Amino acid sequence: MIVNKNTNPERDLYYLGGKVIELLDNSEKTEFDYLELYNSMHTAHGISINLFTLVLDWLFILGVLKNGKKGAVEKCF
């Protein structure tokens, strides 16, 4: 579920998706390594790799991200 009133807002896909977008927007790179991006989010927000994968899935569905070369994550903005 994307939004649930019984969870902490810091664990919602909307909030974490916004944090990933913020992280990508602050970088001048257009392609990012999956694990480097995960490590940055894990350090800053303490999220699990499963939750991080759900967040990236959601951003891919929205069209914010796409697959880059050699498995990289590429921003579309």
N, C-alpha and C. Protein backbone atom coordinates (compact mmCIF):
# COMPACT_ATOMS: atom_id res chain seq x y z
N MET A 1 0.84 -1.18 0.00
CA MET A 1 0.00 0.00 0.00
C MET A 1 0.89 1.24 0.00
N ILE A 2 0.51 2.21 -0.77
CA ILE A 2 1.31 3.42 -0.89
C ILE A 2 1.11 4.32 0.32
N VAL A 3 -0.14 4.59 0.70
CA VAL A 3 -0.42 5.45 1.84
C VAL A 3 -1.25 4.65 2.84
N ASN A 4 -0.83 4.71 4.08
CA ASN A 4 -1.54 4.00 5.13
C ASN A 4 -1.50 4.88 6.37
N LYS A 5 -2.63 5.15 6.95
CA LYS A 5 -2.68 6.04 8.11
C LYS A 5 -2.04 5.44 9.36
N ASN A 6 -1.79 4.13 9.34
CA ASN A 6 -1.23 3.47 10.51
C ASN A 6 0.29 3.37 10.49
N THR A 7 0.95 3.91 9.51
CA THR A 7 2.40 3.84 9.44
C THR A 7 3.02 5.21 9.68
N ASN A 8 4.32 5.18 9.90
CA ASN A 8 5.05 6.45 10.03
C ASN A 8 5.19 7.07 8.66
N PRO A 9 5.03 8.37 8.55
CA PRO A 9 5.18 9.02 7.25
C PRO A 9 6.58 8.86 6.66
N GLU A 10 7.57 8.66 7.51
CA GLU A 10 8.94 8.49 7.03
C GLU A 10 9.15 7.17 6.31
N ARG A 11 8.17 6.29 6.35
CA ARG A 11 8.25 4.99 5.69
C ARG A 11 7.30 4.88 4.50
N ASP A 12 6.60 5.97 4.16
CA ASP A 12 5.70 5.97 3.00
C ASP A 12 6.50 6.10 1.73
N LEU A 13 6.00 5.49 0.68
CA LEU A 13 6.66 5.58 -0.62
C LEU A 13 6.70 7.02 -1.13
N TYR A 14 5.66 7.80 -0.84
CA TYR A 14 5.65 9.20 -1.27
C TYR A 14 6.82 9.96 -0.66
N TYR A 15 6.98 9.83 0.64
CA TYR A 15 8.05 10.56 1.34
C TYR A 15 9.42 10.11 0.87
N LEU A 16 9.64 8.80 0.85
CA LEU A 16 10.95 8.29 0.46
C LEU A 16 11.23 8.53 -1.02
N GLY A 17 10.19 8.47 -1.85
CA GLY A 17 10.36 8.81 -3.26
C GLY A 17 10.80 10.25 -3.43
N GLY A 18 10.23 11.12 -2.63
CA GLY A 18 10.64 12.53 -2.65
C GLY A 18 12.09 12.70 -2.23
N LYS A 19 12.52 11.91 -1.26
CA LYS A 19 13.91 11.98 -0.81
C LYS A 19 14.87 11.47 -1.89
N VAL A 20 14.46 10.42 -2.62
CA VAL A 20 15.30 9.93 -3.72
C VAL A 20 15.38 11.00 -4.81
N ILE A 21 14.25 11.61 -5.15
CA ILE A 21 14.24 12.67 -6.16
C ILE A 21 15.13 13.83 -5.72
N GLU A 22 15.05 14.19 -4.45
CA GLU A 22 15.90 15.26 -3.92
C GLU A 22 17.38 14.91 -4.05
N LEU A 23 17.71 13.68 -3.73
CA LEU A 23 19.10 13.21 -3.84
C LEU A 23 19.58 13.26 -5.29
N LEU A 24 18.73 12.81 -6.21
CA LEU A 24 19.09 12.82 -7.63
C LEU A 24 19.18 14.25 -8.16
N ASP A 25 18.29 15.10 -7.72
CA ASP A 25 18.26 16.48 -8.20
C ASP A 25 19.48 17.27 -7.74
N ASN A 26 20.01 16.94 -6.57
CA ASN A 26 21.19 17.64 -6.06
C ASN A 26 22.48 17.18 -6.71
N SER A 27 22.42 16.15 -7.53
CA SER A 27 23.60 15.64 -8.21
C SER A 27 23.60 16.09 -9.67
N GLU A 28 24.77 16.32 -10.19
CA GLU A 28 24.87 16.71 -11.60
C GLU A 28 24.91 15.51 -12.53
N LYS A 29 25.07 14.31 -11.96
CA LYS A 29 25.08 13.09 -12.76
C LYS A 29 23.67 12.79 -13.25
N THR A 30 23.58 12.04 -14.35
CA THR A 30 22.28 11.60 -14.83
C THR A 30 22.08 10.11 -14.63
N GLU A 31 23.17 9.35 -14.45
CA GLU A 31 23.08 7.92 -14.19
C GLU A 31 23.70 7.60 -12.84
N PHE A 32 23.07 6.66 -12.14
CA PHE A 32 23.48 6.31 -10.79
C PHE A 32 23.54 4.81 -10.65
N ASP A 33 24.52 4.34 -9.92
CA ASP A 33 24.62 2.93 -9.60
C ASP A 33 23.58 2.60 -8.53
N TYR A 34 22.88 1.49 -8.71
CA TYR A 34 21.83 1.08 -7.79
C TYR A 34 22.32 1.00 -6.34
N LEU A 35 23.45 0.33 -6.13
CA LEU A 35 23.94 0.15 -4.77
C LEU A 35 24.48 1.45 -4.15
N GLU A 36 25.08 2.31 -4.96
CA GLU A 36 25.52 3.61 -4.44
C GLU A 36 24.32 4.44 -4.00
N LEU A 37 23.28 4.41 -4.82
CA LEU A 37 22.06 5.14 -4.48
C LEU A 37 21.43 4.56 -3.22
N TYR A 38 21.39 3.24 -3.12
CA TYR A 38 20.86 2.60 -1.91
C TYR A 38 21.69 2.98 -0.68
N ASN A 39 23.00 2.93 -0.80
CA ASN A 39 23.85 3.28 0.35
C ASN A 39 23.61 4.71 0.82
N SER A 40 23.41 5.61 -0.11
CA SER A 40 23.12 7.00 0.26
C SER A 40 21.80 7.10 1.01
N MET A 41 20.78 6.41 0.52
CA MET A 41 19.47 6.44 1.17
C MET A 41 19.50 5.70 2.51
N HIS A 42 20.23 4.61 2.56
CA HIS A 42 20.32 3.85 3.81
C HIS A 42 21.03 4.66 4.89
N THR A 43 22.09 5.34 4.51
CA THR A 43 22.82 6.18 5.46
C THR A 43 21.96 7.33 5.96
N ALA A 44 21.25 7.97 5.05
CA ALA A 44 20.46 9.14 5.42
C ALA A 44 19.15 8.80 6.13
N HIS A 45 18.51 7.69 5.74
CA HIS A 45 17.16 7.40 6.24
C HIS A 45 17.00 6.02 6.85
N GLY A 46 18.04 5.19 6.82
CA GLY A 46 17.99 3.89 7.47
C GLY A 46 16.98 2.92 6.88
N ILE A 47 16.73 3.00 5.58
CA ILE A 47 15.72 2.11 4.98
C ILE A 47 16.35 0.80 4.54
N SER A 48 15.53 -0.22 4.48
CA SER A 48 15.99 -1.53 4.03
C SER A 48 16.08 -1.56 2.51
N ILE A 49 16.79 -2.53 1.99
CA ILE A 49 16.91 -2.65 0.54
C ILE A 49 15.57 -3.03 -0.09
N ASN A 50 14.72 -3.75 0.65
CA ASN A 50 13.39 -4.09 0.13
C ASN A 50 12.53 -2.85 -0.04
N LEU A 51 12.52 -1.98 0.96
CA LEU A 51 11.76 -0.74 0.87
C LEU A 51 12.34 0.17 -0.21
N PHE A 52 13.65 0.22 -0.31
CA PHE A 52 14.30 1.02 -1.34
C PHE A 52 13.89 0.54 -2.73
N THR A 53 13.81 -0.76 -2.93
CA THR A 53 13.40 -1.32 -4.21
C THR A 53 11.96 -0.94 -4.53
N LEU A 54 11.08 -0.96 -3.54
CA LEU A 54 9.70 -0.53 -3.76
C LEU A 54 9.63 0.94 -4.15
N VAL A 55 10.44 1.75 -3.52
CA VAL A 55 10.48 3.18 -3.84
C VAL A 55 10.93 3.39 -5.29
N LEU A 56 11.98 2.68 -5.69
CA LEU A 56 12.45 2.81 -7.07
C LEU A 56 11.41 2.29 -8.06
N ASP A 57 10.73 1.21 -7.73
CA ASP A 57 9.66 0.70 -8.59
C ASP A 57 8.60 1.77 -8.80
N TRP A 58 8.21 2.42 -7.72
CA TRP A 58 7.20 3.46 -7.79
C TRP A 58 7.68 4.62 -8.68
N LEU A 59 8.95 5.01 -8.54
CA LEU A 59 9.49 6.10 -9.36
C LEU A 59 9.61 5.69 -10.82
N PHE A 60 9.90 4.42 -11.09
CA PHE A 60 9.92 3.93 -12.47
C PHE A 60 8.52 4.00 -13.07
N ILE A 61 7.52 3.60 -12.31
CA ILE A 61 6.13 3.64 -12.79
C ILE A 61 5.71 5.06 -13.10
N LEU A 62 6.13 6.00 -12.28
CA LEU A 62 5.79 7.41 -12.50
C LEU A 62 6.54 8.03 -13.67
N GLY A 63 7.62 7.39 -14.10
CA GLY A 63 8.41 7.93 -15.20
C GLY A 63 9.51 8.88 -14.76
N VAL A 64 9.79 8.92 -13.47
CA VAL A 64 10.86 9.77 -12.95
C VAL A 64 12.22 9.15 -13.23
N LEU A 65 12.26 7.82 -13.25
CA LEU A 65 13.49 7.08 -13.50
C LEU A 65 13.31 6.13 -14.67
N LYS A 66 14.42 5.75 -15.27
CA LYS A 66 14.40 4.70 -16.28
C LYS A 66 15.70 3.91 -16.20
N ASN A 67 15.71 2.77 -16.87
CA ASN A 67 16.91 1.94 -16.89
C ASN A 67 17.98 2.61 -17.73
N GLY A 68 19.16 2.70 -17.18
CA GLY A 68 20.29 3.25 -17.92
C GLY A 68 21.13 2.12 -18.49
N LYS A 69 22.29 2.49 -18.95
CA LYS A 69 23.22 1.50 -19.50
C LYS A 69 23.81 0.64 -18.39
N LYS A 70 23.97 -0.62 -18.68
CA LYS A 70 24.59 -1.59 -17.75
C LYS A 70 23.92 -1.63 -16.39
N GLY A 71 22.59 -1.52 -16.36
CA GLY A 71 21.85 -1.64 -15.12
C GLY A 71 21.82 -0.40 -14.24
N ALA A 72 22.30 0.70 -14.73
CA ALA A 72 22.30 1.93 -13.95
C ALA A 72 20.87 2.49 -13.87
N VAL A 73 20.64 3.34 -12.92
CA VAL A 73 19.38 4.06 -12.77
C VAL A 73 19.58 5.44 -13.35
N GLU A 74 18.71 5.84 -14.28
CA GLU A 74 18.87 7.12 -14.95
C GLU A 74 17.69 8.01 -14.62
N LYS A 75 17.98 9.27 -14.27
CA LYS A 75 16.89 10.20 -13.97
C LYS A 75 16.34 10.78 -15.26
N CYS A 76 15.05 11.06 -15.26
CA CYS A 76 14.35 11.56 -16.45
C CYS A 76 13.89 13.00 -16.28
N PHE A 77 14.58 13.75 -15.45
CA PHE A 77 14.20 15.16 -15.26
C PHE A 77 15.42 16.03 -15.25
